[in-house]
C-alpha atoms as a PDB file:
ATOM      1  CA  MET A   1    -101.736  81.334  53.163  1.00  0.00           C
ATOM      2  CA  ASP A   2    -100.878  83.530  56.139  1.00  0.00           C
ATOM      3  CA  ILE A   3    -103.368  83.130  58.988  1.00  0.00           C
ATOM      4  CA  ASN A   4    -103.041  86.827  59.856  1.00  0.00           C
ATOM      5  CA  LEU A   5    -104.065  87.746  56.329  1.00  0.00           C
ATOM      6  CA  VAL A   6    -107.141  85.510  56.535  1.00  0.00           C
ATOM      7  CA  ILE A   7    -108.168  86.960  59.907  1.00  0.00           C
ATOM      8  CA  SER A   8    -107.662  90.492  58.614  1.00  0.00           C
ATOM      9  CA  LEU A   9    -109.773  89.701  55.567  1.00  0.00           C
ATOM     10  CA  PHE A  10    -112.611  88.401  57.732  1.00  0.00           C
ATOM     11  CA  PHE A  11    -112.445  91.480  59.936  1.00  0.00           C
ATOM     12  CA  GLY A  12    -112.572  93.707  56.869  1.00  0.00           C
ATOM     13  CA  ILE A  13    -115.610  91.875  55.499  1.00  0.00           C
ATOM     14  CA  GLY A  14    -117.231  92.129  58.916  1.00  0.00           C
ATOM     15  CA  MET A  15    -116.702  95.891  58.972  1.00  0.00           C
ATOM     16  CA  PHE A  16    -118.255  96.215  55.530  1.00  0.00           C
ATOM     17  CA  LEU A  17    -121.295  94.177  56.590  1.00  0.00           C
ATOM     18  CA  VAL A  18    -121.730  96.283  59.740  1.00  0.00           C
ATOM     19  CA  PHE A  19    -121.750  99.544  57.766  1.00  0.00           C
ATOM     20  CA  LEU A  20    -124.038  98.002  55.145  1.00  0.00           C
ATOM     21  CA  GLY A  21    -126.472  96.853  57.833  1.00  0.00           C
ATOM     22  CA  LEU A  22    -126.522 100.286  59.454  1.00  0.00           C
ATOM     23  CA  ASP A  23    -127.186 101.868  56.078  1.00  0.00           C
ATOM     24  CA  LEU A  24    -130.067  99.486  55.388  1.00  0.00           C
ATOM     25  CA  VAL A  25    -131.577 100.185  58.814  1.00  0.00           C
ATOM     26  CA  VAL A  26    -131.435 103.943  58.252  1.00  0.00           C
ATOM     27  CA  SER A  27    -132.791 103.674  54.695  1.00  0.00           C
ATOM     28  CA  SER A  28    -135.724 101.478  55.718  1.00  0.00           C
ATOM     29  CA  ARG A  29    -137.132 104.141  58.070  1.00  0.00           C
ATOM     30  CA  SER A  30    -138.540 106.201  55.218  1.00  0.00           C
ATOM     31  CA  ILE A  31    -140.341 103.154  53.789  1.00  0.00           C
ATOM     32  CA  ALA A  32    -141.911 102.392  57.161  1.00  0.00           C
ATOM     33  CA  LEU A  33    -142.982 106.016  57.492  1.00  0.00           C
ATOM     34  CA  GLU A  34    -144.598 105.953  54.035  1.00  0.00           C
ATOM     35  CA  LYS A  35    -146.513 102.796  55.003  1.00  0.00           C
ATOM     36  CA  ARG A  36    -147.921 104.489  58.102  1.00  0.00           C
ATOM     37  CA  VAL A  37    -148.783 107.731  56.332  1.00  0.00           C
ATOM     38  CA  ASP A  38    -150.479 106.040  53.344  1.00  0.00           C
ATOM     39  CA  ILE A  39    -153.206 104.763  55.662  1.00  0.00           C
ATOM     40  CA  TYR A  40    -154.350 108.319  56.435  1.00  0.00           C
ATOM     41  CA  LYS A  41    -154.224 109.647  52.872  1.00  0.00           C
ATOM     42  CA  PRO A  42    -157.656 110.553  51.511  1.00  0.00           C
ATOM     43  CA  PRO A  43    -159.075 108.267  48.811  1.00  0.00           C
ATOM     44  CA  SER A  44    -159.252 109.433  45.214  1.00  0.00           C
ATOM     45  CA  PRO A  45    -162.581 110.781  43.955  1.00  0.00           C
ATOM     46  CA  THR A  46    -163.186 107.678  41.823  1.00  0.00           C
ATOM     47  CA  THR A  47    -162.702 105.309  44.756  1.00  0.00           C
ATOM     48  CA  THR A  48    -165.819 103.954  46.437  1.00  0.00           C
ATOM     49  CA  PRO A  49    -166.025 103.553  50.245  1.00  0.00           C
ATOM     50  CA  GLU A  50    -166.220  99.755  49.863  1.00  0.00           C
ATOM     51  CA  ALA A  51    -163.054  99.708  47.787  1.00  0.00           C
ATOM     52  CA  THR A  52    -161.357 101.979  50.301  1.00  0.00           C
ATOM     53  CA  ARG A  53    -162.236  99.696  53.202  1.00  0.00           C
ATOM     54  CA  SER A  54    -161.091  96.587  51.345  1.00  0.00           C
ATOM     55  CA  LYS A  55    -157.873  98.318  50.290  1.00  0.00           C
ATOM     56  CA  SER A  56    -157.062  99.518  53.810  1.00  0.00           C
ATOM     57  CA  ALA A  57    -157.691  96.036  55.159  1.00  0.00           C
ATOM     58  CA  GLN A  58    -155.070  94.526  52.883  1.00  0.00           C
ATOM     59  CA  PRO A  59    -151.329  94.916  53.488  1.00  0.00           C
ATOM     60  CA  ILE A  60    -149.751  97.763  51.562  1.00  0.00           C
ATOM     61  CA  LYS A  61    -147.451  96.645  48.749  1.00  0.00           C
ATOM     62  CA  ILE A  62    -144.682  98.863  47.501  1.00  0.00           C
ATOM     63  CA  ALA A  63    -143.596  98.322  43.923  1.00  0.00           C
ATOM     64  CA  PRO A  64    -139.916  97.408  43.635  1.00  0.00           C
ATOM     65  CA  VAL A  65    -137.686 100.198  42.427  1.00  0.00           C
ATOM     66  CA  SER A  66    -134.586  99.455  40.393  1.00  0.00           C
ATOM     67  CA  LEU A  67    -131.211 100.403  41.819  1.00  0.00           C
ATOM     68  CA  GLU A  68    -130.572 102.849  38.980  1.00  0.00           C
ATOM     69  CA  ARG A  69    -133.833 104.735  39.553  1.00  0.00           C
ATOM     70  CA  GLN A  70    -133.243 104.757  43.297  1.00  0.00           C
ATOM     71  CA  ILE A  71    -129.766 106.259  42.918  1.00  0.00           C
ATOM     72  CA  ALA A  72    -131.077 108.748  40.364  1.00  0.00           C
ATOM     73  CA  GLY A  73    -133.690 109.845  42.897  1.00  0.00           C
ATOM     74  CA  GLU A  74    -131.037 110.186  45.598  1.00  0.00           C
ATOM     75  CA  LEU A  75    -128.898 112.353  43.308  1.00  0.00           C
ATOM     76  CA  ALA A  76    -131.909 114.495  42.398  1.00  0.00           C
ATOM     77  CA  ARG A  77    -132.749 115.032  46.076  1.00  0.00           C
ATOM     78  CA  ALA A  78    -129.136 116.071  46.668  1.00  0.00           C
ATOM     79  CA  ASP A  79    -129.255 118.403  43.626  1.00  0.00           C
ATOM     80  CA  LEU A  80    -126.104 116.829  42.172  1.00  0.00           C
ATOM     81  CA  PRO A  81    -125.875 117.425  38.394  1.00  0.00           C
ATOM     82  CA  ILE A  82    -124.312 114.029  37.617  1.00  0.00           C
ATOM     83  CA  THR A  83    -125.623 110.827  36.093  1.00  0.00           C
ATOM     84  CA  VAL A  84    -125.884 107.441  37.753  1.00  0.00           C
ATOM     85  CA  SER A  85    -122.941 106.166  35.694  1.00  0.00           C
ATOM     86  CA  GLU A  86    -120.787 109.068  36.839  1.00  0.00           C
ATOM     87  CA  TYR A  87    -121.783 108.350  40.433  1.00  0.00           C
ATOM     88  CA  PHE A  88    -120.750 104.707  40.072  1.00  0.00           C
ATOM     89  CA  ILE A  89    -117.429 105.758  38.542  1.00  0.00           C
ATOM     90  CA  ALA A  90    -116.797 108.206  41.385  1.00  0.00           C
ATOM     91  CA  ASN A  91    -117.697 105.517  43.917  1.00  0.00           C
ATOM     92  CA  LEU A  92    -115.264 103.091  42.293  1.00  0.00           C
ATOM     93  CA  LEU A  93    -112.502 105.714  42.219  1.00  0.00           C
ATOM     94  CA  THR A  94    -112.904 106.584  45.914  1.00  0.00           C
ATOM     95  CA  THR A  95    -112.855 102.874  46.818  1.00  0.00           C
ATOM     96  CA  VAL A  96    -109.684 102.209  44.838  1.00  0.00           C
ATOM     97  CA  LEU A  97    -108.088 105.424  46.106  1.00  0.00           C
ATOM     98  CA  GLY A  98    -108.773 104.538  49.724  1.00  0.00           C
ATOM     99  CA  PHE A  99    -107.368 101.035  49.239  1.00  0.00           C
ATOM    100  CA  VAL A 100    -104.235 102.305  47.479  1.00  0.00           C
ATOM    101  CA  ILE A 101    -103.589 104.991  50.099  1.00  0.00           C
ATOM    102  CA  GLY A 102    -103.975 102.483  52.915  1.00  0.00           C
ATOM    103  CA  PHE A 103    -101.752  99.960  51.151  1.00  0.00           C
ATOM    104  CA  ALA A 104     -99.031 102.554  50.501  1.00  0.00           C
ATOM    105  CA  VAL A 105     -99.045 104.517  53.762  1.00  0.00           C
ATOM    106  CA  PHE A 106     -99.404 101.709  56.277  1.00  0.00           C
ATOM    107  CA  GLN A 107     -96.498  99.631  54.979  1.00  0.00           C
ATOM    108  CA  GLU A 108     -98.506  97.347  52.719  1.00  0.00           C
ATOM    109  CA  ASN A 109    -100.858  96.174  55.470  1.00  0.00           C
ATOM    110  CA  PHE A 110    -103.851  94.531  53.826  1.00  0.00           C
ATOM    111  CA  ALA A 111    -106.309  94.993  56.707  1.00  0.00           C
ATOM    112  CA  ILE A 112    -105.868  98.773  56.947  1.00  0.00           C
ATOM    113  CA  ALA A 113    -105.947  99.060  53.160  1.00  0.00           C
ATOM    114  CA  LEU A 114    -109.201  97.094  53.075  1.00  0.00           C
ATOM    115  CA  LEU A 115    -110.665  99.245  55.834  1.00  0.00           C
ATOM    116  CA  LEU A 116    -109.809 102.448  53.965  1.00  0.00           C
ATOM    117  CA  GLY A 117    -111.264 100.922  50.809  1.00  0.00           C
ATOM    118  CA  VAL A 118    -114.546 100.292  52.632  1.00  0.00           C
ATOM    119  CA  LEU A 119    -114.522 103.870  53.920  1.00  0.00           C
ATOM    120  CA  GLY A 120    -113.890 105.085  50.370  1.00  0.00           C
ATOM    121  CA  PHE A 121    -116.832 102.990  49.193  1.00  0.00           C
ATOM    122  CA  ILE A 122    -119.305 104.502  51.667  1.00  0.00           C
ATOM    123  CA  ALA A 123    -117.897 108.055  51.560  1.00  0.00           C
ATOM    124  CA  PRO A 124    -119.877 109.128  48.429  1.00  0.00           C
ATOM    125  CA  ARG A 125    -123.108 107.878  49.988  1.00  0.00           C
ATOM    126  CA  PHE A 126    -122.523 109.931  53.132  1.00  0.00           C
ATOM    127  CA  TYR A 127    -121.650 112.950  50.987  1.00  0.00           C
ATOM    128  CA  VAL A 128    -124.917 112.586  49.057  1.00  0.00           C
ATOM    129  CA  ARG A 129    -126.824 112.250  52.321  1.00  0.00           C
ATOM    130  CA  TYR A 130    -125.115 115.398  53.628  1.00  0.00           C
ATOM    131  CA  LEU A 131    -126.137 117.367  50.526  1.00  0.00           C
ATOM    132  CA  GLN A 132    -129.673 116.023  50.816  1.00  0.00           C
ATOM    133  CA  GLY A 133    -129.877 117.160  54.417  1.00  0.00           C
ATOM    134  CA  LYS A 134    -128.616 120.655  53.596  1.00  0.00           C
ATOM    135  CA  ARG A 135    -131.001 121.007  50.657  1.00  0.00           C
ATOM    136  CA  LEU A 136    -133.967 119.680  52.635  1.00  0.00           C
ATOM    137  CA  GLU A 137    -133.160 122.074  55.463  1.00  0.00           C
ATOM    138  CA  ALA A 138    -133.118 124.998  53.012  1.00  0.00           C
ATOM    139  CA  PHE A 139    -136.389 123.745  51.507  1.00  0.00           C
ATOM    140  CA  ASN A 140    -138.089 123.540  54.904  1.00  0.00           C
ATOM    141  CA  ASP A 141    -136.843 127.013  55.834  1.00  0.00           C
ATOM    142  CA  GLY A 142    -138.301 128.515  52.653  1.00  0.00           C
ATOM    143  CA  LEU A 143    -141.565 126.560  52.676  1.00  0.00           C
ATOM    144  CA  PRO A 144    -143.536 128.907  55.028  1.00  0.00           C
ATOM    145  CA  GLY A 145    -142.749 131.921  52.821  1.00  0.00           C
ATOM    146  CA  ALA A 146    -143.755 129.949  49.732  1.00  0.00           C
ATOM    147  CA  LEU A 147    -147.075 129.024  51.353  1.00  0.00           C
ATOM    148  CA  VAL A 148    -147.758 132.655  52.251  1.00  0.00           C
ATOM    149  CA  LEU A 149    -146.962 133.642  48.656  1.00  0.00           C
ATOM    150  CA  LEU A 150    -149.310 130.921  47.375  1.00  0.00           C
ATOM    151  CA  ALA A 151    -152.077 132.075  49.723  1.00  0.00           C
ATOM    152  CA  ASN A 152    -151.684 135.722  48.730  1.00  0.00           C
ATOM    153  CA  SER A 153    -151.721 134.810  45.038  1.00  0.00           C
ATOM    154  CA  LEU A 154    -154.899 132.761  45.438  1.00  0.00           C
ATOM    155  CA  ARG A 155    -156.460 135.513  47.520  1.00  0.00           C
ATOM    156  CA  SER A 156    -155.724 138.094  44.830  1.00  0.00           C
ATOM    157  CA  GLY A 157    -157.601 136.055  42.211  1.00  0.00           C
ATOM    158  CA  TYR A 158    -154.887 133.910  40.636  1.00  0.00           C
ATOM    159  CA  GLY A 159    -155.576 130.329  39.654  1.00  0.00           C
ATOM    160  CA  TRP A 160    -153.617 127.431  41.103  1.00  0.00           C
ATOM    161  CA  SER A 161    -151.218 127.181  38.169  1.00  0.00           C
ATOM    162  CA  GLN A 162    -150.583 130.934  38.182  1.00  0.00           C
ATOM    163  CA  ALA A 163    -149.954 130.856  41.936  1.00  0.00           C
ATOM    164  CA  VAL A 164    -147.424 128.038  41.534  1.00  0.00           C
ATOM    165  CA  GLU A 165    -145.750 129.966  38.727  1.00  0.00           C
ATOM    166  CA  SER A 166    -145.475 133.069  40.913  1.00  0.00           C
ATOM    167  CA  VAL A 167    -143.742 131.022  43.629  1.00  0.00           C
ATOM    168  CA  ALA A 168    -141.342 129.559  41.054  1.00  0.00           C
ATOM    169  CA  ARG A 169    -140.577 133.058  39.795  1.00  0.00           C
ATOM    170  CA  GLU A 170    -140.221 134.970  43.059  1.00  0.00           C
ATOM    171  CA  ALA A 171    -138.997 132.472  45.661  1.00  0.00           C
ATOM    172  CA  ALA A 172    -135.357 131.535  46.275  1.00  0.00           C
ATOM    173  CA  PRO A 173    -133.822 128.118  45.489  1.00  0.00           C
ATOM    174  CA  PRO A 174    -134.517 125.323  46.168  1.00  0.00           C
ATOM    175  CA  ILE A 175    -138.176 126.396  46.530  1.00  0.00           C
ATOM    176  CA  SER A 176    -138.164 128.097  43.120  1.00  0.00           C
ATOM    177  CA  THR A 177    -136.549 125.037  41.502  1.00  0.00           C
ATOM    178  CA  GLU A 178    -139.048 122.568  42.920  1.00  0.00           C
ATOM    179  CA  PHE A 179    -142.153 124.652  42.237  1.00  0.00           C
ATOM    180  CA  GLY A 180    -140.808 125.352  38.758  1.00  0.00           C
ATOM    181  CA  ARG A 181    -140.775 121.602  38.168  1.00  0.00           C
ATOM    182  CA  VAL A 182    -144.335 121.385  39.465  1.00  0.00           C
ATOM    183  CA  ASN A 183    -145.378 124.132  37.051  1.00  0.00           C
ATOM    184  CA  ARG A 184    -143.683 122.389  34.097  1.00  0.00           C
ATOM    185  CA  GLU A 185    -145.283 119.051  34.953  1.00  0.00           C
ATOM    186  CA  ILE A 186    -148.734 120.664  35.072  1.00  0.00           C
ATOM    187  CA  ALA A 187    -148.035 122.378  31.735  1.00  0.00           C
ATOM    188  CA  LEU A 188    -147.039 119.002  30.236  1.00  0.00           C
ATOM    189  CA  GLY A 189    -150.385 117.465  31.141  1.00  0.00           C
ATOM    190  CA  LEU A 190    -150.018 116.023  34.644  1.00  0.00           C
ATOM    191  CA  SER A 191    -152.727 116.755  37.162  1.00  0.00           C
ATOM    192  CA  SER A 192    -152.012 118.939  40.161  1.00  0.00           C
ATOM    193  CA  GLU A 193    -152.281 115.910  42.459  1.00  0.00           C
ATOM    194  CA  GLN A 194    -149.671 113.986  40.474  1.00  0.00           C
ATOM    195  CA  ALA A 195    -147.350 116.986  40.317  1.00  0.00           C
ATOM    196  CA  LEU A 196    -147.596 117.500  44.073  1.00  0.00           C
ATOM    197  CA  ASP A 197    -146.995 113.787  44.687  1.00  0.00           C
ATOM    198  CA  ASN A 198    -143.848 114.032  42.571  1.00  0.00           C
ATOM    199  CA  LEU A 199    -142.803 117.088  44.575  1.00  0.00           C
ATOM    200  CA  LEU A 200    -143.251 115.135  47.792  1.00  0.00           C
ATOM    201  CA  ARG A 201    -141.345 112.196  46.334  1.00  0.00           C
ATOM    202  CA  ARG A 202    -138.376 114.440  45.568  1.00  0.00           C
ATOM    203  CA  ASN A 203    -138.471 116.132  48.989  1.00  0.00           C
ATOM    204  CA  HIS A 204    -139.117 113.874  51.965  1.00  0.00           C
ATOM    205  CA  SER A 205    -140.400 116.629  54.227  1.00  0.00           C
ATOM    206  CA  LEU A 206    -143.057 116.192  56.890  1.00  0.00           C
ATOM    207  CA  ASP A 207    -144.073 119.840  56.480  1.00  0.00           C
ATOM    208  CA  LEU A 208    -144.524 119.399  52.731  1.00  0.00           C
ATOM    209  CA  GLU A 209    -146.464 116.200  53.352  1.00  0.00           C
ATOM    210  CA  LEU A 210    -148.860 118.155  55.559  1.00  0.00           C
ATOM    211  CA  VAL A 211    -149.274 120.762  52.810  1.00  0.00           C
ATOM    212  CA  VAL A 212    -149.945 118.189  50.085  1.00  0.00           C
ATOM    213  CA  MET A 213    -152.454 116.335  52.250  1.00  0.00           C
ATOM    214  CA  ALA A 214    -154.291 119.568  53.078  1.00  0.00           C
ATOM    215  CA  ILE A 215    -154.471 120.554  49.404  1.00  0.00           C
ATOM    216  CA  ASP A 216    -155.806 117.097  48.462  1.00  0.00           C
ATOM    217  CA  VAL A 217    -158.476 117.282  51.155  1.00  0.00           C
ATOM    218  CA  ASN A 218    -159.424 120.814  50.093  1.00  0.00           C
ATOM    219  CA  ARG A 219    -159.873 119.716  46.477  1.00  0.00           C
ATOM    220  CA  GLN A 220    -162.266 116.982  47.569  1.00  0.00           C
ATOM    221  CA  VAL A 221    -164.345 118.711  50.252  1.00  0.00           C
ATOM    222  CA  GLY A 222    -163.860 122.370  49.285  1.00  0.00           C
ATOM    223  CA  GLY A 223    -163.066 125.342  51.489  1.00  0.00           C
ATOM    224  CA  ASN A 224    -160.860 128.428  51.605  1.00  0.00           C
ATOM    225  CA  LEU A 225    -157.488 127.153  50.429  1.00  0.00           C
ATOM    226  CA  SER A 226    -155.675 130.437  51.066  1.00  0.00           C
ATOM    227  CA  GLU A 227    -156.768 130.432  54.707  1.00  0.00           C
ATOM    228  CA  ILE A 228    -155.655 126.825  55.085  1.00  0.00           C
ATOM    229  CA  LEU A 229    -152.236 127.605  53.616  1.00  0.00           C
ATOM    230  CA  ASP A 230    -151.839 130.549  56.000  1.00  0.00           C
ATOM    231  CA  GLN A 231    -152.611 128.325  58.985  1.00  0.00           C
ATOM    232  CA  ILE A 232    -150.193 125.642  57.792  1.00  0.00           C
ATOM    233  CA  ALA A 233    -147.470 128.260  57.294  1.00  0.00           C
ATOM    234  CA  SER A 234    -148.020 129.465  60.860  1.00  0.00           C
ATOM    235  CA  THR A 235    -147.825 125.883  62.141  1.00  0.00           C
ATOM    236  CA  ILE A 236    -144.603 125.236  60.241  1.00  0.00           C
ATOM    237  CA  ARG A 237    -143.047 128.418  61.644  1.00  0.00           C
ATOM    238  CA  GLU A 238    -143.825 127.256  65.172  1.00  0.00           C
ATOM    239  CA  ARG A 239    -142.308 123.851  64.445  1.00  0.00           C
ATOM    240  CA  VAL A 240    -139.167 125.498  63.042  1.00  0.00           C
ATOM    241  CA  ARG A 241    -138.918 127.706  66.133  1.00  0.00           C
ATOM    242  CA  LEU A 242    -139.270 124.666  68.389  1.00  0.00           C
ATOM    243  CA  SER A 243    -136.687 122.776  66.327  1.00  0.00           C
ATOM    244  CA  ASN A 244    -134.209 125.644  66.669  1.00  0.00           C
ATOM    245  CA  GLU A 245    -134.730 125.701  70.419  1.00  0.00           C
ATOM    246  CA  ILE A 246    -134.088 121.956  70.605  1.00  0.00           C
ATOM    247  CA  ARG A 247    -130.911 122.314  68.539  1.00  0.00           C
ATOM    248  CA  THR A 248    -129.734 125.048  70.896  1.00  0.00           C
ATOM    249  CA  LEU A 249    -130.393 122.923  73.981  1.00  0.00           C
ATOM    250  CA  THR A 250    -128.619 119.883  72.489  1.00  0.00           C
ATOM    251  CA  ALA A 251    -125.644 121.794  71.047  1.00  0.00           C
ATOM    252  CA  GLN A 252    -123.348 120.694  73.877  1.00  0.00           C
ATOM    253  CA  GLN A 253    -124.299 117.033  73.458  1.00  0.00           C
ATOM    254  CA  ARG A 254    -123.705 117.195  69.697  1.00  0.00           C
ATOM    255  CA  PHE A 255    -120.318 118.807  70.273  1.00  0.00           C
ATOM    256  CA  THR A 256    -119.470 116.082  72.799  1.00  0.00           C
ATOM    257  CA  ALA A 257    -120.398 113.391  70.284  1.00  0.00           C
ATOM    258  CA  GLY A 258    -118.122 114.963  67.673  1.00  0.00           C
ATOM    259  CA  VAL A 259    -115.222 115.208  70.136  1.00  0.00           C
ATOM    260  CA  LEU A 260    -115.633 111.587  71.232  1.00  0.00           C
ATOM    261  CA  VAL A 261    -115.505 110.420  67.620  1.00  0.00           C
ATOM    262  CA  LEU A 262    -112.655 112.646  66.387  1.00  0.00           C
ATOM    263  CA  LEU A 263    -110.387 112.548  69.442  1.00  0.00           C
ATOM    264  CA  PRO A 264    -109.125 108.921  69.160  1.00  0.00           C
ATOM    265  CA  PRO A 265    -108.116 109.193  65.445  1.00  0.00           C
ATOM    266  CA  ILE A 266    -106.406 112.539  66.037  1.00  0.00           C
ATOM    267  CA  VAL A 267    -104.480 111.213  69.031  1.00  0.00           C
ATOM    268  CA  GLY A 268    -103.579 108.045  67.105  1.00  0.00           C
ATOM    269  CA  VAL A 269    -102.211 110.026  64.152  1.00  0.00           C
ATOM    270  CA  ALA A 270    -100.232 112.273  66.503  1.00  0.00           C
ATOM    271  CA  ILE A 271     -98.678 109.287  68.298  1.00  0.00           C
ATOM    272  CA  TYR A 272     -97.932 107.652  64.934  1.00  0.00           C
ATOM    273  CA  ILE A 273     -96.056 110.774  63.821  1.00  0.00           C
ATOM    274  CA  ILE A 274     -94.087 110.917  67.102  1.00  0.00           C
ATOM    275  CA  ASN A 275     -93.382 107.192  67.481  1.00  0.00           C
ATOM    276  CA  SER A 276     -94.651 105.069  64.619  1.00  0.00           C
ATOM    277  CA  GLY A 277     -93.380 101.788  66.074  1.00  0.00           C
ATOM    278  CA  TYR A 278     -95.502 102.232  69.190  1.00  0.00           C
ATOM    279  CA  VAL A 279     -98.760 102.433  67.213  1.00  0.00           C
ATOM    280  CA  ALA A 280     -97.742 100.016  64.456  1.00  0.00           C
ATOM    281  CA  LEU A 281     -98.588  97.077  66.704  1.00  0.00           C
ATOM    282  CA  LEU A 282    -102.267  97.809  66.040  1.00  0.00           C
ATOM    283  CA  TRP A 283    -101.986  96.667  62.417  1.00  0.00           C
ATOM    284  CA  GLU A 284     -98.941  94.412  62.564  1.00  0.00           C
ATOM    285  CA  THR A 285    -100.408  91.875  64.998  1.00  0.00           C
ATOM    286  CA  THR A 286    -103.650  89.956  64.950  1.00  0.00           C
ATOM    287  CA  CYS A 287    -104.626  91.127  68.422  1.00  0.00           C
ATOM    288  CA  GLY A 288    -103.957  94.741  67.456  1.00  0.00           C
ATOM    289  CA  ILE A 289    -106.081  94.458  64.323  1.00  0.00           C
ATOM    290  CA  ALA A 290    -108.933  92.947  66.332  1.00  0.00           C
ATOM    291  CA  MET A 291    -108.686  95.763  68.901  1.00  0.00           C
ATOM    292  CA  LEU A 292    -108.586  98.395  66.155  1.00  0.00           C
ATOM    293  CA  VAL A 293    -111.646  96.998  64.391  1.00  0.00           C
ATOM    294  CA  ALA A 294    -113.556  96.642  67.672  1.00  0.00           C
ATOM    295  CA  ALA A 295    -112.667 100.231  68.609  1.00  0.00           C
ATOM    296  CA  VAL A 296    -113.939 101.571  65.279  1.00  0.00           C
ATOM    297  CA  ILE A 297    -117.191  99.609  65.570  1.00  0.00           C
ATOM    298  CA  LEU A 298    -117.788 100.760  69.145  1.00  0.00           C
ATOM    299  CA  MET A 299    -117.037 104.381  68.246  1.00  0.00           C
ATOM    300  CA  VAL A 300    -119.516 104.309  65.375  1.00  0.00           C
ATOM    301  CA  LEU A 301    -122.169 102.622  67.506  1.00  0.00           C
ATOM    302  CA  GLY A 302    -121.621 105.132  70.325  1.00  0.00           C
ATOM    303  CA  TYR A 303    -121.970 108.042  67.922  1.00  0.00           C
ATOM    304  CA  LEU A 304    -125.180 106.606  66.471  1.00  0.00           C
ATOM    305  CA  VAL A 305    -126.603 106.029  69.957  1.00  0.00           C
ATOM    306  CA  ILE A 306    -125.860 109.627  70.947  1.00  0.00           C
ATOM    307  CA  ARG A 307    -127.458 110.916  67.745  1.00  0.00           C
ATOM    308  CA  ARG A 308    -130.497 108.713  68.318  1.00  0.00           C
ATOM    309  CA  ILE A 309    -130.908 110.035  71.870  1.00  0.00           C
ATOM    310  CA  MET A 310    -130.751 113.626  70.584  1.00  0.00           C
ATOM    311  CA  ALA A 311    -133.225 112.953  67.752  1.00  0.00           C
ATOM    312  CA  ILE A 312    -136.283 114.306  69.554  1.00  0.00           C
ATOM    313  CA  LYS A 313    -139.566 113.701  67.745  1.00  0.00           C
ATOM    314  CA  PHE A 314    -142.052 116.566  67.888  1.00  0.00           C
END
C-alpha cells in the first residue's frame, strides 16, 4: 500500500474528528445551559419544600434522547418539512457528491476527495443550523408584539386559551405557527404549563424562557399577568435594541472574519486556474497535503475564535 495514501487517509480521519469534536462542543452548550436554568425553575404545586430541597441537592439527570428524535427536533426548529429518513438520504447524497467531485476534479487524489466528502457530510448540519438561526431570530423579533397582544387580550377579558388563539390568528409566522401549536395542544388536553414547555423546547430562546418562567410563577403566586407581560415585552425590546447596537459595533470585525476565511480559498482557486501545476503540489505530495490540512484547521479555529470574541453576553 502506498504510504502517501495511508498518510492522506489519517489526515482525512483527523479532519473529520476535529469537525465532529467542534460540533459536540457547540451542541453541549445548550445542555449545560438547561442544567443551570433548571435550578431556578419554580417547583410544581404538588411538590413539597422537603422534596424540592432534596431534589435540588441531587445532580440533575437528563433522560437520553434517541438520535432520531433529536434530529426530528432539529428539523422542526429549522421548520424544514422533511422526515428524518429524507434528511439521512440527503446527508448521504451530499457526502457521496462531495467525494465524487473531489475525486474527479483533483485528478483522482484521495485526500482531497475525502476532505470534500467530509465537508459534504457536515454541510446539511450547518444548513439546518443556519435555518434555525434565521427562524429563531424572526421568532425573537416578533415575540414582544405577541406579548403585547397577549396582554391586551387578557386585559380586555379574554381567557388564556382565547388570548393564545388571538395571537395565533393575528401574528405573523413563525409566532403564529408556534402559538397555533400551543393552542392545539391545549385543545387536545395538555395543560398550559406542558404546552408552554413544549414551545420552549421547540424554540431555544432566552426571551421565551423568561416569559414561560414568569407565567409559571404568576400561576402559582397570582398577580396581574397582563402587566407582567407588558413589562417583559419592554425588557425584550431593550435587549433587542442593545443587541442591534452590538451587531453594528462589531460589523467590521465580522466582515474581517469572513474575508480572512474566504480569501485563501479564492486565491487558491484563482492560482489553480492560472497555473494548476504550481498549486498541485499541495495535494500531490505528502508535505503539501499536511500543509493544506493544517491550513484548513487553523483557518477554522481562527474563525471560531473571532466569533467567540464577538459573542458578547448581555
